[in-house]
Amino acid sequence: MVDFFDRSGADVIVRGIRTETDFTYESYMADYLREHNPRIDTLFLHADPLLASVSSTEVRERLARGEDVSDEVPAGILPYFRNLH
């Protein structure tokens, strides 16, 4: 992630937070990334409660099976996910 951050010219990493467990994990990850690159800022966004059960792993698995994920992925980024497979 540190290398990708620099190569992409990003200014911030945006992470969705669904639960307290997510927040704890992502906080540790943000600290680790900043230790390795002081330019990295992480922005946490609280997930819509209706989507709190959605995980990226589940979405990738459903895509791999050829299933429709439009009910769990925002329309604006759905084409990106479809291009991954």
N, C-alpha and C. Protein backbone atom coordinates (compact mmCIF):
# COMPACT_ATOMS: atom_id res chain seq x y z
N MET A 1 0.83 -1.18 0.00
CA MET A 1 0.00 0.00 0.00
C MET A 1 0.88 1.25 0.00
N VAL A 2 1.98 1.21 0.73
CA VAL A 2 2.89 2.36 0.78
C VAL A 2 3.42 2.67 -0.61
N ASP A 3 3.88 1.66 -1.33
CA ASP A 3 4.39 1.87 -2.69
C ASP A 3 3.30 2.34 -3.64
N PHE A 4 2.12 1.72 -3.55
CA PHE A 4 1.00 2.12 -4.41
C PHE A 4 0.62 3.56 -4.16
N PHE A 5 0.61 3.97 -2.91
CA PHE A 5 0.26 5.34 -2.55
C PHE A 5 1.17 6.32 -3.28
N ASP A 6 2.46 6.07 -3.24
CA ASP A 6 3.41 6.96 -3.92
C ASP A 6 3.27 6.92 -5.44
N ARG A 7 3.15 5.71 -5.99
CA ARG A 7 3.04 5.58 -7.46
C ARG A 7 1.78 6.24 -7.99
N SER A 8 0.70 6.19 -7.25
CA SER A 8 -0.57 6.71 -7.74
C SER A 8 -0.70 8.22 -7.57
N GLY A 9 0.18 8.81 -6.77
CA GLY A 9 0.09 10.25 -6.53
C GLY A 9 -1.06 10.61 -5.61
N ALA A 10 -1.52 9.65 -4.82
CA ALA A 10 -2.65 9.87 -3.92
C ALA A 10 -2.30 10.88 -2.83
N ASP A 11 -3.33 11.52 -2.31
CA ASP A 11 -3.18 12.45 -1.19
C ASP A 11 -3.71 11.87 0.11
N VAL A 12 -4.58 10.88 -0.01
CA VAL A 12 -5.22 10.30 1.17
C VAL A 12 -5.72 8.90 0.83
N ILE A 13 -5.81 8.06 1.85
CA ILE A 13 -6.42 6.74 1.72
C ILE A 13 -7.77 6.82 2.41
N VAL A 14 -8.82 6.38 1.74
CA VAL A 14 -10.17 6.41 2.30
C VAL A 14 -10.57 4.98 2.65
N ARG A 15 -10.98 4.78 3.90
CA ARG A 15 -11.37 3.45 4.37
C ARG A 15 -12.76 3.52 5.00
N GLY A 16 -13.59 2.55 4.67
CA GLY A 16 -14.93 2.46 5.25
C GLY A 16 -14.89 1.72 6.57
N ILE A 17 -15.63 2.21 7.53
CA ILE A 17 -15.69 1.61 8.86
C ILE A 17 -17.12 1.13 9.09
N ARG A 18 -17.27 -0.18 9.35
CA ARG A 18 -18.59 -0.75 9.60
C ARG A 18 -18.83 -0.98 11.09
N THR A 19 -17.79 -1.38 11.79
CA THR A 19 -17.94 -1.77 13.19
C THR A 19 -16.77 -1.24 14.01
N GLU A 20 -16.86 -1.42 15.32
CA GLU A 20 -15.76 -1.04 16.20
C GLU A 20 -14.51 -1.87 15.88
N THR A 21 -14.71 -3.12 15.52
CA THR A 21 -13.60 -3.99 15.13
C THR A 21 -12.88 -3.43 13.91
N ASP A 22 -13.66 -2.98 12.91
CA ASP A 22 -13.06 -2.35 11.73
C ASP A 22 -12.23 -1.14 12.13
N PHE A 23 -12.79 -0.31 13.01
CA PHE A 23 -12.09 0.91 13.41
C PHE A 23 -10.76 0.57 14.08
N THR A 24 -10.77 -0.42 14.96
CA THR A 24 -9.54 -0.82 15.64
C THR A 24 -8.50 -1.29 14.64
N TYR A 25 -8.90 -2.19 13.75
CA TYR A 25 -7.97 -2.71 12.74
C TYR A 25 -7.45 -1.60 11.84
N GLU A 26 -8.34 -0.77 11.34
CA GLU A 26 -7.94 0.29 10.42
C GLU A 26 -7.08 1.35 11.10
N SER A 27 -7.28 1.58 12.37
CA SER A 27 -6.43 2.51 13.10
C SER A 27 -5.00 2.00 13.18
N TYR A 28 -4.85 0.70 13.48
CA TYR A 28 -3.52 0.10 13.50
C TYR A 28 -2.88 0.18 12.11
N MET A 29 -3.67 -0.09 11.08
CA MET A 29 -3.15 -0.05 9.71
C MET A 29 -2.72 1.37 9.34
N ALA A 30 -3.51 2.35 9.71
CA ALA A 30 -3.17 3.75 9.42
C ALA A 30 -1.87 4.14 10.10
N ASP A 31 -1.70 3.71 11.35
CA ASP A 31 -0.46 4.01 12.07
C ASP A 31 0.74 3.35 11.38
N TYR A 32 0.58 2.10 10.98
CA TYR A 32 1.65 1.37 10.29
C TYR A 32 2.03 2.07 8.99
N LEU A 33 1.03 2.45 8.21
CA LEU A 33 1.31 3.11 6.93
C LEU A 33 2.03 4.44 7.14
N ARG A 34 1.59 5.20 8.12
CA ARG A 34 2.21 6.49 8.39
C ARG A 34 3.65 6.33 8.87
N GLU A 35 3.93 5.26 9.62
CA GLU A 35 5.30 5.00 10.05
C GLU A 35 6.22 4.77 8.85
N HIS A 36 5.67 4.17 7.80
CA HIS A 36 6.46 3.85 6.61
C HIS A 36 6.45 4.95 5.56
N ASN A 37 5.50 5.87 5.68
CA ASN A 37 5.44 7.01 4.77
C ASN A 37 4.66 8.12 5.48
N PRO A 38 5.36 9.12 6.02
CA PRO A 38 4.70 10.18 6.78
C PRO A 38 3.68 11.00 5.98
N ARG A 39 3.71 10.91 4.65
CA ARG A 39 2.74 11.64 3.82
C ARG A 39 1.36 10.99 3.83
N ILE A 40 1.26 9.75 4.24
CA ILE A 40 -0.01 9.02 4.14
C ILE A 40 -0.98 9.45 5.24
N ASP A 41 -2.08 10.01 4.82
CA ASP A 41 -3.20 10.30 5.72
C ASP A 41 -4.32 9.32 5.38
N THR A 42 -5.01 8.86 6.40
CA THR A 42 -6.13 7.94 6.21
C THR A 42 -7.40 8.61 6.70
N LEU A 43 -8.42 8.58 5.87
CA LEU A 43 -9.72 9.16 6.19
C LEU A 43 -10.69 8.00 6.40
N PHE A 44 -11.35 7.97 7.55
CA PHE A 44 -12.32 6.93 7.86
C PHE A 44 -13.73 7.46 7.60
N LEU A 45 -14.51 6.68 6.89
CA LEU A 45 -15.91 7.02 6.65
C LEU A 45 -16.79 5.94 7.26
N HIS A 46 -17.79 6.37 7.99
CA HIS A 46 -18.72 5.43 8.60
C HIS A 46 -19.64 4.87 7.52
N ALA A 47 -19.75 3.56 7.46
CA ALA A 47 -20.57 2.91 6.44
C ALA A 47 -22.06 3.11 6.73
N ASP A 48 -22.83 3.13 5.67
CA ASP A 48 -24.29 3.15 5.79
C ASP A 48 -24.70 1.88 6.55
N PRO A 49 -25.49 2.01 7.61
CA PRO A 49 -25.88 0.82 8.38
C PRO A 49 -26.53 -0.27 7.53
N LEU A 50 -27.20 0.10 6.45
CA LEU A 50 -27.81 -0.90 5.58
C LEU A 50 -26.77 -1.73 4.83
N LEU A 51 -25.55 -1.22 4.74
CA LEU A 51 -24.48 -1.93 4.04
C LEU A 51 -23.42 -2.47 4.98
N ALA A 52 -23.67 -2.40 6.27
CA ALA A 52 -22.67 -2.80 7.26
C ALA A 52 -22.26 -4.26 7.15
N SER A 53 -23.12 -5.09 6.61
CA SER A 53 -22.79 -6.52 6.51
C SER A 53 -22.01 -6.85 5.25
N VAL A 54 -21.84 -5.88 4.35
CA VAL A 54 -21.14 -6.12 3.09
C VAL A 54 -19.64 -6.13 3.33
N SER A 55 -18.97 -7.13 2.76
CA SER A 55 -17.51 -7.17 2.86
C SER A 55 -16.93 -7.25 1.46
N SER A 56 -15.73 -6.71 1.29
CA SER A 56 -15.08 -6.75 -0.02
C SER A 56 -14.80 -8.19 -0.43
N THR A 57 -14.49 -9.03 0.54
CA THR A 57 -14.23 -10.45 0.24
C THR A 57 -15.48 -11.09 -0.36
N GLU A 58 -16.62 -10.83 0.26
CA GLU A 58 -17.88 -11.39 -0.24
C GLU A 58 -18.18 -10.88 -1.65
N VAL A 59 -17.97 -9.60 -1.88
CA VAL A 59 -18.22 -9.02 -3.20
C VAL A 59 -17.32 -9.66 -4.24
N ARG A 60 -16.02 -9.80 -3.94
CA ARG A 60 -15.09 -10.45 -4.89
C ARG A 60 -15.49 -11.89 -5.17
N GLU A 61 -15.91 -12.62 -4.14
CA GLU A 61 -16.33 -14.01 -4.33
C GLU A 61 -17.57 -14.09 -5.21
N ARG A 62 -18.52 -13.21 -4.98
CA ARG A 62 -19.74 -13.20 -5.80
C ARG A 62 -19.42 -12.85 -7.25
N LEU A 63 -18.52 -11.88 -7.44
CA LEU A 63 -18.12 -11.53 -8.81
C LEU A 63 -17.45 -12.71 -9.50
N ALA A 64 -16.60 -13.41 -8.77
CA ALA A 64 -15.90 -14.56 -9.34
C ALA A 64 -16.88 -15.64 -9.78
N ARG A 65 -18.02 -15.74 -9.10
CA ARG A 65 -19.05 -16.71 -9.48
C ARG A 65 -19.98 -16.17 -10.55
N GLY A 66 -19.74 -14.92 -10.99
CA GLY A 66 -20.57 -14.32 -12.03
C GLY A 66 -21.89 -13.77 -11.52
N GLU A 67 -22.00 -13.57 -10.22
CA GLU A 67 -23.24 -13.07 -9.63
C GLU A 67 -23.32 -11.55 -9.71
N ASP A 68 -24.54 -11.03 -9.67
CA ASP A 68 -24.79 -9.60 -9.68
C ASP A 68 -24.51 -9.03 -8.28
N VAL A 69 -23.72 -7.98 -8.20
CA VAL A 69 -23.41 -7.36 -6.91
C VAL A 69 -23.92 -5.92 -6.84
N SER A 70 -24.78 -5.54 -7.77
CA SER A 70 -25.24 -4.15 -7.83
C SER A 70 -26.02 -3.75 -6.58
N ASP A 71 -26.52 -4.71 -5.81
CA ASP A 71 -27.22 -4.39 -4.58
C ASP A 71 -26.26 -4.08 -3.43
N GLU A 72 -24.97 -4.35 -3.62
CA GLU A 72 -23.99 -4.13 -2.56
C GLU A 72 -22.86 -3.18 -2.93
N VAL A 73 -22.81 -2.74 -4.18
CA VAL A 73 -21.73 -1.88 -4.64
C VAL A 73 -22.35 -0.62 -5.23
N PRO A 74 -21.90 0.57 -4.80
CA PRO A 74 -22.44 1.81 -5.35
C PRO A 74 -22.30 1.85 -6.87
N ALA A 75 -23.32 2.36 -7.54
CA ALA A 75 -23.34 2.39 -9.01
C ALA A 75 -22.12 3.08 -9.60
N GLY A 76 -21.59 4.10 -8.93
CA GLY A 76 -20.45 4.84 -9.46
C GLY A 76 -19.17 4.04 -9.54
N ILE A 77 -19.03 3.01 -8.72
CA ILE A 77 -17.79 2.22 -8.76
C ILE A 77 -18.02 0.80 -9.27
N LEU A 78 -19.26 0.46 -9.56
CA LEU A 78 -19.56 -0.88 -10.05
C LEU A 78 -18.76 -1.24 -11.31
N PRO A 79 -18.60 -0.33 -12.28
CA PRO A 79 -17.79 -0.68 -13.45
C PRO A 79 -16.35 -1.04 -13.09
N TYR A 80 -15.77 -0.39 -12.08
CA TYR A 80 -14.42 -0.71 -11.65
C TYR A 80 -14.35 -2.15 -11.16
N PHE A 81 -15.30 -2.53 -10.33
CA PHE A 81 -15.31 -3.91 -9.82
C PHE A 81 -15.49 -4.92 -10.94
N ARG A 82 -16.32 -4.60 -11.88
CA ARG A 82 -16.54 -5.54 -13.00
C ARG A 82 -15.28 -5.69 -13.83
N ASN A 83 -14.46 -4.66 -13.94
CA ASN A 83 -13.22 -4.73 -14.71
C ASN A 83 -12.14 -5.55 -14.00
N LEU A 84 -12.32 -5.83 -12.73
CA LEU A 84 -11.35 -6.62 -11.99
C LEU A 84 -11.41 -8.09 -12.38
N HIS A 85 -12.53 -8.51 -12.95
CA HIS A 85 -12.71 -9.94 -13.28
C HIS A 85 -12.95 -10.13 -14.74
